[in-house]
Amino acid sequence: MVGLITLNRPKALNSLTLAMVTAMRAQLAAWENDPAVGCVVIRGEGERAFCAGADIRALRQSGLDGTSYARDFWREEYLLNSVIKHYPKPYIALIHGICMGGGIGLSVHGAYRIAGSSAVFAMPETGIGFFPDVGGSYFLSRCPGQLGLYLGLTGDRLNSSDAIYARIATHWIPSDEWPVLLDELAHGDNPTNLLSEMGRRPQNAPLSERRTKIDRIFSTTSVEDIVTLLDRDDKEWSHQCASLLRSRSPTSLKLTYGQIRTGSQLEFNDCMKMEFRMASRILKGHDFYEGVRAVIVDKDNKPDWQPATLAGVSDSDIQAYFEPGADELPL
C-alpha cells in the first residue's frame, strides 16, 4: 500500500501552514509503524504548483505582531524535514509546476524526487530578506562544485534537466505517466527498479554550460569577491548575475554564504539546528519584513535593505545569527 500525501491548497500554490506540516509529521510517524504501508508518495493538487513554500505573509505578520506562529512553524517544518531525511521507508515526491523553498524541503530530502516536464525549482529567499532554509545548508552545499552556492545566492530557477544535473531531482518522468507509477507502487513494485524502468533521459541541462564559470567565480572567499569577479568578466550573463546579486538583501547574501560554507562540514540535523537559530534571529531584524512587503505584499519590488550594501554588513553582524539561543531545535 502507498501512503499518499496530497498538498491541497491549489489557489495558494499549495503553500504550507503550521497545521499542514504538523499533520504531515504525525502521519509519517503513523505510517512508519504500519507494516501495510510500503512507501510514501507526496504530490500537489492543481496544475500550477507542487508547493511554492511557506505562507510567507503569515510568517511576516506573526513577526510583526510578536506572536509565536512563525517560530512554531519553522520548528515544526524543520522537524518534518528531518523526519523525511531519515525516513526508513521509500519516500517519493512527484514534482510538477512550482517547487520553491519549503516545497524543496518536502522533496529533496527524500530518496526519490521525480520531476515532471513543467517543474520549476528555486530557492529565492535572498530576494525577500531571508536565506535558503529547510536544509539548504545541507543539500546546497552538496550540489556539484559551486552550484549550490550559486543557486542559494541568486535564487536562479531550474527546469527538470537542471534540477537533475544539480542533484535536486533524481528522475524525470512525464506527469501523465504518474498514475501508472502510483498503480505499480500500490501493487508493491520495488521503487528503485520501477523508477529506473520509467525514468526518461533528461535533455541537456542549460546549467551545465555555465558550470566552469560558476565553479571558478563562486569558489572565492566572500560575496564581495564573487561580485567583483562577475563584474570583471566580459560576458553578459556575468553582468546580469552581478546586477541580480546587488538587488538582493546584503545581509541575506552574507548569511547564505556563511550557512552553505558551514553546512558542508555538518551532519543534517546540525544543519537544521543552525538554520533554526538563523530563522529565529531573522525575526528580530529588518530585511525579512521589508523584503516580503516589497515582493509579496505591496509588490513594488523596491525593498529598502538595511544595511543597503555588502560593506555595511560586518562579520560580527553575521556571526550573531549562528550563535546558540535559549530555544534550540529539539533534534
C-alpha atoms as a PDB file:
ATOM      1  CA  MET A   1       0.000   0.000   0.000  1.00  0.00           C
ATOM      2  CA  VAL A   2       1.114   3.544  -0.739  1.00  0.00           C
ATOM      3  CA  GLY A   3       0.849   6.227   1.908  1.00  0.00           C
ATOM      4  CA  LEU A   4      -0.299   9.188  -0.196  1.00  0.00           C
ATOM      5  CA  ILE A   5       0.057  12.841   0.849  1.00  0.00           C
ATOM      6  CA  THR A   6      -1.673  15.461  -1.306  1.00  0.00           C
ATOM      7  CA  LEU A   7      -0.976  19.142  -0.680  1.00  0.00           C
ATOM      8  CA  ASN A   8      -4.404  20.658  -1.171  1.00  0.00           C
ATOM      9  CA  ARG A   9      -4.199  24.465  -1.341  1.00  0.00           C
ATOM     10  CA  PRO A  10      -4.010  24.897  -5.123  1.00  0.00           C
ATOM     11  CA  LYS A  11      -5.253  28.501  -5.104  1.00  0.00           C
ATOM     12  CA  ALA A  12      -2.346  29.344  -2.762  1.00  0.00           C
ATOM     13  CA  LEU A  13       0.115  27.275  -4.827  1.00  0.00           C
ATOM     14  CA  ASN A  14      -0.039  24.656  -2.071  1.00  0.00           C
ATOM     15  CA  SER A  15       1.883  26.938   0.280  1.00  0.00           C
ATOM     16  CA  LEU A  16       2.466  25.466   3.709  1.00  0.00           C
ATOM     17  CA  THR A  17       0.801  26.308   7.006  1.00  0.00           C
ATOM     18  CA  LEU A  18       1.653  25.193  10.530  1.00  0.00           C
ATOM     19  CA  ALA A  19      -1.343  22.830  10.538  1.00  0.00           C
ATOM     20  CA  MET A  20      -0.148  21.178   7.334  1.00  0.00           C
ATOM     21  CA  VAL A  21       3.410  20.467   8.482  1.00  0.00           C
ATOM     22  CA  THR A  22       2.198  19.246  11.883  1.00  0.00           C
ATOM     23  CA  ALA A  23      -0.292  16.883  10.241  1.00  0.00           C
ATOM     24  CA  MET A  24       2.325  15.548   7.829  1.00  0.00           C
ATOM     25  CA  ARG A  25       4.785  14.785  10.601  1.00  0.00           C
ATOM     26  CA  ALA A  26       2.124  12.920  12.584  1.00  0.00           C
ATOM     27  CA  GLN A  27       1.013  10.950   9.539  1.00  0.00           C
ATOM     28  CA  LEU A  28       4.548   9.944   8.605  1.00  0.00           C
ATOM     29  CA  ALA A  29       5.067   8.685  12.152  1.00  0.00           C
ATOM     30  CA  ALA A  30       1.921   6.563  11.879  1.00  0.00           C
ATOM     31  CA  TRP A  31       2.911   5.109   8.506  1.00  0.00           C
ATOM     32  CA  GLU A  32       6.414   4.338   9.723  1.00  0.00           C
ATOM     33  CA  ASN A  33       4.929   1.801  12.136  1.00  0.00           C
ATOM     34  CA  ASP A  34       2.277   0.457   9.754  1.00  0.00           C
ATOM     35  CA  PRO A  35       3.517  -2.719   8.034  1.00  0.00           C
ATOM     36  CA  ALA A  36       0.846  -2.335   5.340  1.00  0.00           C
ATOM     37  CA  VAL A  37       2.469   0.866   4.042  1.00  0.00           C
ATOM     38  CA  GLY A  38       5.370   0.046   1.749  1.00  0.00           C
ATOM     39  CA  CYS A  39       6.265   3.571   0.627  1.00  0.00           C
ATOM     40  CA  VAL A  40       5.127   7.186   0.866  1.00  0.00           C
ATOM     41  CA  VAL A  41       4.296   9.459  -2.074  1.00  0.00           C
ATOM     42  CA  ILE A  42       3.773  13.220  -1.811  1.00  0.00           C
ATOM     43  CA  ARG A  43       2.179  15.340  -4.548  1.00  0.00           C
ATOM     44  CA  GLY A  44       0.497  18.703  -5.027  1.00  0.00           C
ATOM     45  CA  GLU A  45      -3.104  19.420  -6.066  1.00  0.00           C
ATOM     46  CA  GLY A  46      -3.782  21.579  -9.130  1.00  0.00           C
ATOM     47  CA  GLU A  47      -1.761  22.274 -12.250  1.00  0.00           C
ATOM     48  CA  ARG A  48       0.362  25.231 -11.125  1.00  0.00           C
ATOM     49  CA  ALA A  49       2.492  24.001  -8.260  1.00  0.00           C
ATOM     50  CA  PHE A  50       3.805  21.134  -6.209  1.00  0.00           C
ATOM     51  CA  CYS A  51       4.459  23.602  -3.385  1.00  0.00           C
ATOM     52  CA  ALA A  52       5.570  27.236  -3.534  1.00  0.00           C
ATOM     53  CA  GLY A  53       6.938  27.119   0.011  1.00  0.00           C
ATOM     54  CA  ALA A  54       5.688  28.549   3.271  1.00  0.00           C
ATOM     55  CA  ASP A  55       2.831  31.015   3.627  1.00  0.00           C
ATOM     56  CA  ILE A  56       5.270  33.915   3.846  1.00  0.00           C
ATOM     57  CA  ARG A  57       2.600  36.531   4.515  1.00  0.00           C
ATOM     58  CA  ALA A  58       1.538  34.679   7.657  1.00  0.00           C
ATOM     59  CA  LEU A  59       5.128  34.363   8.885  1.00  0.00           C
ATOM     60  CA  ARG A  60       5.767  38.075   8.339  1.00  0.00           C
ATOM     61  CA  GLN A  61       2.568  39.054  10.115  1.00  0.00           C
ATOM     62  CA  SER A  62       3.430  36.811  13.051  1.00  0.00           C
ATOM     63  CA  GLY A  63       6.759  38.552  13.427  1.00  0.00           C
ATOM     64  CA  LEU A  64       5.154  41.992  13.217  1.00  0.00           C
ATOM     65  CA  ASP A  65       2.517  41.026  15.781  1.00  0.00           C
ATOM     66  CA  GLY A  66       5.004  39.347  18.107  1.00  0.00           C
ATOM     67  CA  THR A  67       3.144  36.011  18.126  1.00  0.00           C
ATOM     68  CA  SER A  68       4.781  32.577  18.289  1.00  0.00           C
ATOM     69  CA  TYR A  69       3.371  31.354  14.970  1.00  0.00           C
ATOM     70  CA  ALA A  70       6.491  31.957  12.854  1.00  0.00           C
ATOM     71  CA  ARG A  71       8.870  30.219  15.259  1.00  0.00           C
ATOM     72  CA  ASP A  72       6.365  27.410  15.815  1.00  0.00           C
ATOM     73  CA  PHE A  73       6.064  26.963  12.062  1.00  0.00           C
ATOM     74  CA  TRP A  74       9.797  26.818  11.442  1.00  0.00           C
ATOM     75  CA  ARG A  75      10.287  24.436  14.360  1.00  0.00           C
ATOM     76  CA  GLU A  76       7.659  22.023  13.030  1.00  0.00           C
ATOM     77  CA  GLU A  77       8.804  22.406   9.418  1.00  0.00           C
ATOM     78  CA  TYR A  78      12.447  21.699  10.234  1.00  0.00           C
ATOM     79  CA  LEU A  79      11.470  18.692  12.362  1.00  0.00           C
ATOM     80  CA  LEU A  80       9.430  17.443   9.393  1.00  0.00           C
ATOM     81  CA  ASN A  81      12.447  17.934   7.099  1.00  0.00           C
ATOM     82  CA  SER A  82      14.472  15.761   9.470  1.00  0.00           C
ATOM     83  CA  VAL A  83      11.780  13.060   9.524  1.00  0.00           C
ATOM     84  CA  ILE A  84      11.827  12.971   5.713  1.00  0.00           C
ATOM     85  CA  LYS A  85      15.617  12.839   5.594  1.00  0.00           C
ATOM     86  CA  HIS A  86      15.776   9.872   7.956  1.00  0.00           C
ATOM     87  CA  TYR A  87      12.550   8.117   6.907  1.00  0.00           C
ATOM     88  CA  PRO A  88      13.073   4.346   6.867  1.00  0.00           C
ATOM     89  CA  LYS A  89      10.613   3.667   4.038  1.00  0.00           C
ATOM     90  CA  PRO A  90      10.904   4.858   0.423  1.00  0.00           C
ATOM     91  CA  TYR A  91       9.740   8.482   0.218  1.00  0.00           C
ATOM     92  CA  ILE A  92       8.823   9.658  -3.287  1.00  0.00           C
ATOM     93  CA  ALA A  93       7.988  13.231  -4.313  1.00  0.00           C
ATOM     94  CA  LEU A  94       6.050  13.854  -7.553  1.00  0.00           C
ATOM     95  CA  ILE A  95       7.008  17.391  -8.522  1.00  0.00           C
ATOM     96  CA  HIS A  96       5.199  19.484 -11.100  1.00  0.00           C
ATOM     97  CA  GLY A  97       4.977  23.235 -11.601  1.00  0.00           C
ATOM     98  CA  ILE A  98       6.452  25.488  -8.941  1.00  0.00           C
ATOM     99  CA  CYS A  99       8.648  23.863  -6.318  1.00  0.00           C
ATOM    100  CA  MET A 100      10.333  26.501  -4.202  1.00  0.00           C
ATOM    101  CA  GLY A 101      11.551  26.998  -0.650  1.00  0.00           C
ATOM    102  CA  GLY A 102       9.565  24.758   1.652  1.00  0.00           C
ATOM    103  CA  GLY A 103       8.412  22.726  -1.351  1.00  0.00           C
ATOM    104  CA  ILE A 104      12.001  21.714  -1.963  1.00  0.00           C
ATOM    105  CA  GLY A 105      12.249  20.880   1.740  1.00  0.00           C
ATOM    106  CA  LEU A 106       9.356  18.437   1.325  1.00  0.00           C
ATOM    107  CA  SER A 107      11.030  16.703  -1.599  1.00  0.00           C
ATOM    108  CA  VAL A 108      14.812  16.989  -1.781  1.00  0.00           C
ATOM    109  CA  HIS A 109      15.465  15.107   1.467  1.00  0.00           C
ATOM    110  CA  GLY A 110      13.543  12.049   0.288  1.00  0.00           C
ATOM    111  CA  ALA A 111      15.143   9.170  -1.555  1.00  0.00           C
ATOM    112  CA  TYR A 112      13.309   9.801  -4.855  1.00  0.00           C
ATOM    113  CA  ARG A 113      12.458  13.196  -6.387  1.00  0.00           C
ATOM    114  CA  ILE A 114      10.506  12.802  -9.620  1.00  0.00           C
ATOM    115  CA  ALA A 115      10.420  15.908 -11.811  1.00  0.00           C
ATOM    116  CA  GLY A 116       7.683  16.340 -14.371  1.00  0.00           C
ATOM    117  CA  SER A 117       8.107  18.363 -17.552  1.00  0.00           C
ATOM    118  CA  SER A 118       6.576  21.507 -16.002  1.00  0.00           C
ATOM    119  CA  ALA A 119       8.672  21.506 -12.831  1.00  0.00           C
ATOM    120  CA  VAL A 120      10.457  24.715 -11.841  1.00  0.00           C
ATOM    121  CA  PHE A 121      12.815  24.603  -8.854  1.00  0.00           C
ATOM    122  CA  ALA A 122      14.253  27.567  -6.925  1.00  0.00           C
ATOM    123  CA  MET A 123      15.423  28.788  -3.539  1.00  0.00           C
ATOM    124  CA  PRO A 124      14.690  32.535  -3.940  1.00  0.00           C
ATOM    125  CA  GLU A 125      14.950  33.564  -0.286  1.00  0.00           C
ATOM    126  CA  THR A 126      17.705  36.187  -0.598  1.00  0.00           C
ATOM    127  CA  GLY A 127      15.196  38.257  -2.572  1.00  0.00           C
ATOM    128  CA  ILE A 128      12.886  38.547   0.445  1.00  0.00           C
ATOM    129  CA  GLY A 129      15.485  39.133   3.137  1.00  0.00           C
ATOM    130  CA  PHE A 130      15.631  35.519   4.257  1.00  0.00           C
ATOM    131  CA  PHE A 131      18.008  32.604   3.496  1.00  0.00           C
ATOM    132  CA  PRO A 132      17.617  29.196   1.796  1.00  0.00           C
ATOM    133  CA  ASP A 133      16.431  27.189   4.782  1.00  0.00           C
ATOM    134  CA  VAL A 134      14.644  23.785   5.019  1.00  0.00           C
ATOM    135  CA  GLY A 135      18.050  22.134   4.931  1.00  0.00           C
ATOM    136  CA  GLY A 136      19.572  24.367   2.266  1.00  0.00           C
ATOM    137  CA  SER A 137      22.794  24.470   4.242  1.00  0.00           C
ATOM    138  CA  TYR A 138      22.993  20.696   3.764  1.00  0.00           C
ATOM    139  CA  PHE A 139      21.745  19.944   0.247  1.00  0.00           C
ATOM    140  CA  LEU A 140      23.016  23.097  -1.472  1.00  0.00           C
ATOM    141  CA  SER A 141      26.493  22.584  -0.044  1.00  0.00           C
ATOM    142  CA  ARG A 142      26.456  19.091  -1.544  1.00  0.00           C
ATOM    143  CA  CYS A 143      25.473  20.067  -5.076  1.00  0.00           C
ATOM    144  CA  PRO A 144      28.255  19.542  -7.641  1.00  0.00           C
ATOM    145  CA  GLY A 145      31.028  22.108  -7.476  1.00  0.00           C
ATOM    146  CA  GLN A 146      29.818  25.584  -6.566  1.00  0.00           C
ATOM    147  CA  LEU A 147      26.307  25.152  -7.984  1.00  0.00           C
ATOM    148  CA  GLY A 148      24.702  25.147  -4.537  1.00  0.00           C
ATOM    149  CA  LEU A 149      26.228  28.449  -3.509  1.00  0.00           C
ATOM    150  CA  TYR A 150      25.283  29.949  -6.855  1.00  0.00           C
ATOM    151  CA  LEU A 151      21.682  28.747  -6.523  1.00  0.00           C
ATOM    152  CA  GLY A 152      21.404  29.864  -2.912  1.00  0.00           C
ATOM    153  CA  LEU A 153      22.736  33.365  -3.550  1.00  0.00           C
ATOM    154  CA  THR A 154      20.936  34.095  -6.822  1.00  0.00           C
ATOM    155  CA  GLY A 155      17.717  32.075  -6.469  1.00  0.00           C
ATOM    156  CA  ASP A 156      18.096  31.016 -10.106  1.00  0.00           C
ATOM    157  CA  ARG A 157      15.228  28.900 -11.419  1.00  0.00           C
ATOM    158  CA  LEU A 158      15.938  25.391 -12.684  1.00  0.00           C
ATOM    159  CA  ASN A 159      13.994  23.253 -15.111  1.00  0.00           C
ATOM    160  CA  SER A 160      13.810  19.487 -14.699  1.00  0.00           C
ATOM    161  CA  SER A 161      17.085  18.833 -16.538  1.00  0.00           C
ATOM    162  CA  ASP A 162      18.908  21.437 -14.465  1.00  0.00           C
ATOM    163  CA  ALA A 163      17.458  20.044 -11.245  1.00  0.00           C
ATOM    164  CA  ILE A 164      18.696  16.558 -12.067  1.00  0.00           C
ATOM    165  CA  TYR A 165      22.103  17.939 -13.024  1.00  0.00           C
ATOM    166  CA  ALA A 166      22.273  19.771  -9.670  1.00  0.00           C
ATOM    167  CA  ARG A 167      21.119  16.575  -7.852  1.00  0.00           C
ATOM    168  CA  ILE A 168      17.984  18.258  -6.512  1.00  0.00           C
ATOM    169  CA  ALA A 169      15.802  15.868  -8.525  1.00  0.00           C
ATOM    170  CA  THR A 170      16.610  12.215  -9.176  1.00  0.00           C
ATOM    171  CA  HIS A 171      14.358  11.227 -12.111  1.00  0.00           C
ATOM    172  CA  TRP A 172      12.378  12.749 -14.962  1.00  0.00           C
ATOM    173  CA  ILE A 173       9.034  11.108 -15.712  1.00  0.00           C
ATOM    174  CA  PRO A 174       6.272  12.973 -17.603  1.00  0.00           C
ATOM    175  CA  SER A 175       3.378  13.726 -15.260  1.00  0.00           C
ATOM    176  CA  ASP A 176       0.836  11.967 -17.466  1.00  0.00           C
ATOM    177  CA  GLU A 177       2.601   8.719 -16.557  1.00  0.00           C
ATOM    178  CA  TRP A 178       2.344   9.272 -12.810  1.00  0.00           C
ATOM    179  CA  PRO A 179      -0.993   7.388 -12.435  1.00  0.00           C
ATOM    180  CA  VAL A 180       0.739   4.278 -13.817  1.00  0.00           C
ATOM    181  CA  LEU A 181       3.631   4.848 -11.426  1.00  0.00           C
ATOM    182  CA  LEU A 182       1.274   5.109  -8.452  1.00  0.00           C
ATOM    183  CA  ASP A 183      -0.608   1.992  -9.514  1.00  0.00           C
ATOM    184  CA  GLU A 184       2.582  -0.039  -9.802  1.00  0.00           C
ATOM    185  CA  LEU A 185       3.803   1.205  -6.424  1.00  0.00           C
ATOM    186  CA  ALA A 186       0.441   0.255  -4.882  1.00  0.00           C
ATOM    187  CA  HIS A 187       0.955  -3.268  -6.198  1.00  0.00           C
ATOM    188  CA  GLY A 188       4.244  -3.467  -4.337  1.00  0.00           C
ATOM    189  CA  ASP A 189       6.776  -2.888  -7.105  1.00  0.00           C
ATOM    190  CA  ASN A 190      10.255  -2.001  -5.911  1.00  0.00           C
ATOM    191  CA  PRO A 191      10.597   1.803  -6.267  1.00  0.00           C
ATOM    192  CA  THR A 192      14.226   1.697  -7.363  1.00  0.00           C
ATOM    193  CA  ASN A 193      13.587  -0.794 -10.159  1.00  0.00           C
ATOM    194  CA  LEU A 194      10.321   0.848 -11.199  1.00  0.00           C
ATOM    195  CA  LEU A 195      11.794   4.332 -11.421  1.00  0.00           C
ATOM    196  CA  SER A 196      14.766   3.016 -13.323  1.00  0.00           C
ATOM    197  CA  GLU A 197      12.403   1.497 -15.874  1.00  0.00           C
ATOM    198  CA  MET A 198      10.080   4.507 -16.182  1.00  0.00           C
ATOM    199  CA  GLY A 199      12.637   7.300 -15.910  1.00  0.00           C
ATOM    200  CA  ARG A 200      13.475   9.182 -19.100  1.00  0.00           C
ATOM    201  CA  ARG A 201      16.815  10.578 -20.144  1.00  0.00           C
ATOM    202  CA  PRO A 202      16.650  14.337 -19.456  1.00  0.00           C
ATOM    203  CA  GLN A 203      17.587  16.903 -22.051  1.00  0.00           C
ATOM    204  CA  ASN A 204      20.903  18.717 -21.775  1.00  0.00           C
ATOM    205  CA  ALA A 205      20.924  20.988 -18.745  1.00  0.00           C
ATOM    206  CA  PRO A 206      21.485  24.681 -19.557  1.00  0.00           C
ATOM    207  CA  LEU A 207      23.141  24.975 -16.152  1.00  0.00           C
ATOM    208  CA  SER A 208      25.913  22.641 -17.288  1.00  0.00           C
ATOM    209  CA  GLU A 209      27.005  25.136 -19.942  1.00  0.00           C
ATOM    210  CA  ARG A 210      27.917  27.651 -17.210  1.00  0.00           C
ATOM    211  CA  ARG A 211      29.343  25.156 -14.745  1.00  0.00           C
ATOM    212  CA  THR A 212      33.006  26.001 -15.337  1.00  0.00           C
ATOM    213  CA  LYS A 213      32.419  29.728 -14.890  1.00  0.00           C
ATOM    214  CA  ILE A 214      30.201  29.223 -11.823  1.00  0.00           C
ATOM    215  CA  ASP A 215      32.777  26.966 -10.181  1.00  0.00           C
ATOM    216  CA  ARG A 216      35.555  29.468 -10.807  1.00  0.00           C
ATOM    217  CA  ILE A 217      33.723  32.611  -9.679  1.00  0.00           C
ATOM    218  CA  PHE A 218      31.726  31.222  -6.762  1.00  0.00           C
ATOM    219  CA  SER A 219      34.687  29.392  -5.209  1.00  0.00           C
ATOM    220  CA  THR A 220      36.121  32.651  -3.890  1.00  0.00           C
ATOM    221  CA  THR A 221      36.166  33.608  -0.207  1.00  0.00           C
ATOM    222  CA  SER A 222      33.449  36.265   0.077  1.00  0.00           C
ATOM    223  CA  VAL A 223      30.300  37.595  -1.549  1.00  0.00           C
ATOM    224  CA  GLU A 224      32.139  40.829  -2.345  1.00  0.00           C
ATOM    225  CA  ASP A 225      34.780  38.902  -4.281  1.00  0.00           C
ATOM    226  CA  ILE A 226      32.099  36.999  -6.199  1.00  0.00           C
ATOM    227  CA  VAL A 227      30.506  40.269  -7.329  1.00  0.00           C
ATOM    228  CA  THR A 228      33.915  41.684  -8.273  1.00  0.00           C
ATOM    229  CA  LEU A 229      34.764  38.660 -10.422  1.00  0.00           C
ATOM    230  CA  LEU A 230      31.364  38.817 -12.116  1.00  0.00           C
ATOM    231  CA  ASP A 231      31.935  42.500 -12.900  1.00  0.00           C
ATOM    232  CA  ARG A 232      35.355  41.744 -14.396  1.00  0.00           C
ATOM    233  CA  ASP A 233      34.047  39.031 -16.684  1.00  0.00           C
ATOM    234  CA  ASP A 234      33.229  40.195 -20.211  1.00  0.00           C
ATOM    235  CA  LYS A 235      30.094  38.077 -20.660  1.00  0.00           C
ATOM    236  CA  GLU A 236      26.554  39.460 -20.467  1.00  0.00           C
ATOM    237  CA  TRP A 237      25.448  36.614 -18.199  1.00  0.00           C
ATOM    238  CA  SER A 238      28.063  37.564 -15.596  1.00  0.00           C
ATOM    239  CA  HIS A 239      26.977  41.193 -15.571  1.00  0.00           C
ATOM    240  CA  GLN A 240      23.326  40.168 -15.246  1.00  0.00           C
ATOM    241  CA  CYS A 241      24.255  37.884 -12.359  1.00  0.00           C
ATOM    242  CA  ALA A 242      26.149  40.708 -10.610  1.00  0.00           C
ATOM    243  CA  SER A 243      23.176  43.019 -11.056  1.00  0.00           C
ATOM    244  CA  LEU A 244      20.878  40.371  -9.624  1.00  0.00           C
ATOM    245  CA  LEU A 245      23.067  39.940  -6.548  1.00  0.00           C
ATOM    246  CA  ARG A 246      23.091  43.698  -5.993  1.00  0.00           C
ATOM    247  CA  SER A 247      19.289  43.625  -5.868  1.00  0.00           C
ATOM    248  CA  ARG A 248      19.256  41.042  -3.059  1.00  0.00           C
ATOM    249  CA  SER A 249      19.435  41.724   0.660  1.00  0.00           C
ATOM    250  CA  PRO A 250      23.127  42.217   1.532  1.00  0.00           C
ATOM    251  CA  THR A 251      22.519  40.625   4.925  1.00  0.00           C
ATOM    252  CA  SER A 252      20.804  37.630   3.321  1.00  0.00           C
ATOM    253  CA  LEU A 253      23.641  37.170   0.848  1.00  0.00           C
ATOM    254  CA  LYS A 254      26.244  37.038   3.588  1.00  0.00           C
ATOM    255  CA  LEU A 255      24.064  34.784   5.752  1.00  0.00           C
ATOM    256  CA  THR A 256      23.584  32.415   2.826  1.00  0.00           C
ATOM    257  CA  TYR A 257      27.284  32.340   2.037  1.00  0.00           C
ATOM    258  CA  GLY A 258      28.054  31.541   5.671  1.00  0.00           C
ATOM    259  CA  GLN A 259      25.398  28.860   6.081  1.00  0.00           C
ATOM    260  CA  ILE A 260      26.358  26.964   2.907  1.00  0.00           C
ATOM    261  CA  ARG A 261      30.077  27.063   3.644  1.00  0.00           C
ATOM    262  CA  THR A 262      29.420  25.942   7.238  1.00  0.00           C
ATOM    263  CA  GLY A 263      26.800  23.375   6.259  1.00  0.00           C
ATOM    264  CA  SER A 264      29.267  21.492   4.087  1.00  0.00           C
ATOM    265  CA  GLN A 265      31.006  20.389   7.300  1.00  0.00           C
ATOM    266  CA  LEU A 266      27.887  19.490   9.315  1.00  0.00           C
ATOM    267  CA  GLU A 267      25.594  16.498   9.592  1.00  0.00           C
ATOM    268  CA  PHE A 268      21.977  17.041   8.557  1.00  0.00           C
ATOM    269  CA  ASN A 269      20.420  17.558  11.984  1.00  0.00           C
ATOM    270  CA  ASP A 270      23.155  20.013  12.937  1.00  0.00           C
ATOM    271  CA  CYS A 271      22.355  21.979   9.786  1.00  0.00           C
ATOM    272  CA  MET A 272      18.713  22.157  10.827  1.00  0.00           C
ATOM    273  CA  LYS A 273      19.648  23.342  14.313  1.00  0.00           C
ATOM    274  CA  MET A 274      21.798  26.066  12.771  1.00  0.00           C
ATOM    275  CA  GLU A 275      19.014  27.172  10.451  1.00  0.00           C
ATOM    276  CA  PHE A 276      16.528  27.409  13.316  1.00  0.00           C
ATOM    277  CA  ARG A 277      18.904  29.771  15.113  1.00  0.00           C
ATOM    278  CA  MET A 278      19.194  31.844  11.955  1.00  0.00           C
ATOM    279  CA  ALA A 279      15.442  31.967  11.354  1.00  0.00           C
ATOM    280  CA  SER A 280      14.775  32.953  14.964  1.00  0.00           C
ATOM    281  CA  ARG A 281      17.143  35.905  14.648  1.00  0.00           C
ATOM    282  CA  ILE A 282      15.718  36.938  11.289  1.00  0.00           C
ATOM    283  CA  LEU A 283      12.534  37.845  13.158  1.00  0.00           C
ATOM    284  CA  LYS A 284      14.467  40.409  15.173  1.00  0.00           C
ATOM    285  CA  GLY A 285      15.865  42.111  12.099  1.00  0.00           C
ATOM    286  CA  HIS A 286      14.573  44.347   9.318  1.00  0.00           C
ATOM    287  CA  ASP A 287      15.123  42.835   5.881  1.00  0.00           C
ATOM    288  CA  PHE A 288      12.690  39.901   6.090  1.00  0.00           C
ATOM    289  CA  TYR A 289       9.760  42.193   6.810  1.00  0.00           C
ATOM    290  CA  GLU A 290      10.839  44.668   4.142  1.00  0.00           C
ATOM    291  CA  GLY A 291      11.561  42.004   1.542  1.00  0.00           C
ATOM    292  CA  VAL A 292       8.191  40.291   1.932  1.00  0.00           C
ATOM    293  CA  ARG A 293       6.486  43.696   1.841  1.00  0.00           C
ATOM    294  CA  ALA A 294       8.212  44.654  -1.402  1.00  0.00           C
ATOM    295  CA  VAL A 295       7.840  41.332  -3.226  1.00  0.00           C
ATOM    296  CA  ILE A 296       4.627  39.793  -1.892  1.00  0.00           C
ATOM    297  CA  VAL A 297       2.519  42.375  -0.012  1.00  0.00           C
ATOM    298  CA  ASP A 298       2.865  45.694  -1.873  1.00  0.00           C
ATOM    299  CA  LYS A 299       4.617  44.143  -4.895  1.00  0.00           C
ATOM    300  CA  ASP A 300       6.525  47.314  -5.698  1.00  0.00           C
ATOM    301  CA  ASN A 301       9.795  45.309  -5.887  1.00  0.00           C
ATOM    302  CA  LYS A 302      11.650  48.205  -4.269  1.00  0.00           C
ATOM    303  CA  PRO A 303      12.947  46.865  -0.960  1.00  0.00           C
ATOM    304  CA  ASP A 304      14.812  49.244   1.327  1.00  0.00           C
ATOM    305  CA  TRP A 305      17.516  46.925   2.629  1.00  0.00           C
ATOM    306  CA  GLN A 306      19.247  47.864   5.875  1.00  0.00           C
ATOM    307  CA  PRO A 307      22.237  47.828   5.588  1.00  0.00           C
ATOM    308  CA  ALA A 308      21.966  48.693   1.904  1.00  0.00           C
ATOM    309  CA  THR A 309      25.406  47.433   0.869  1.00  0.00           C
ATOM    310  CA  LEU A 310      27.586  44.407   1.445  1.00  0.00           C
ATOM    311  CA  ALA A 311      30.217  46.648   3.012  1.00  0.00           C
ATOM    312  CA  GLY A 312      27.698  47.683   5.642  1.00  0.00           C
ATOM    313  CA  VAL A 313      27.247  44.096   6.884  1.00  0.00           C
ATOM    314  CA  SER A 314      30.049  43.167   9.290  1.00  0.00           C
ATOM    315  CA  ASP A 315      31.351  39.707  10.131  1.00  0.00           C
ATOM    316  CA  SER A 316      30.153  40.178  13.712  1.00  0.00           C
ATOM    317  CA  ASP A 317      26.661  41.022  12.441  1.00  0.00           C
ATOM    318  CA  ILE A 318      26.545  37.714  10.581  1.00  0.00           C
ATOM    319  CA  GLN A 319      28.140  35.650  13.343  1.00  0.00           C
ATOM    320  CA  ALA A 320      25.359  36.663  15.740  1.00  0.00           C
ATOM    321  CA  TYR A 321      22.821  34.741  13.612  1.00  0.00           C
ATOM    322  CA  PHE A 322      24.703  31.480  14.197  1.00  0.00           C
ATOM    323  CA  GLU A 323      25.092  31.678  17.969  1.00  0.00           C
ATOM    324  CA  PRO A 324      23.113  29.186  20.115  1.00  0.00           C
ATOM    325  CA  GLY A 325      19.953  30.567  21.686  1.00  0.00           C
ATOM    326  CA  ALA A 326      17.730  29.793  24.639  1.00  0.00           C
ATOM    327  CA  ASP A 327      15.268  27.889  22.417  1.00  0.00           C
ATOM    328  CA  GLU A 328      17.077  25.296  20.313  1.00  0.00           C
ATOM    329  CA  LEU A 329      15.563  22.952  17.752  1.00  0.00           C
ATOM    330  CA  PRO A 330      14.899  19.648  19.595  1.00  0.00           C
ATOM    331  CA  LEU A 331      16.918  17.292  17.405  1.00  0.00           C
END
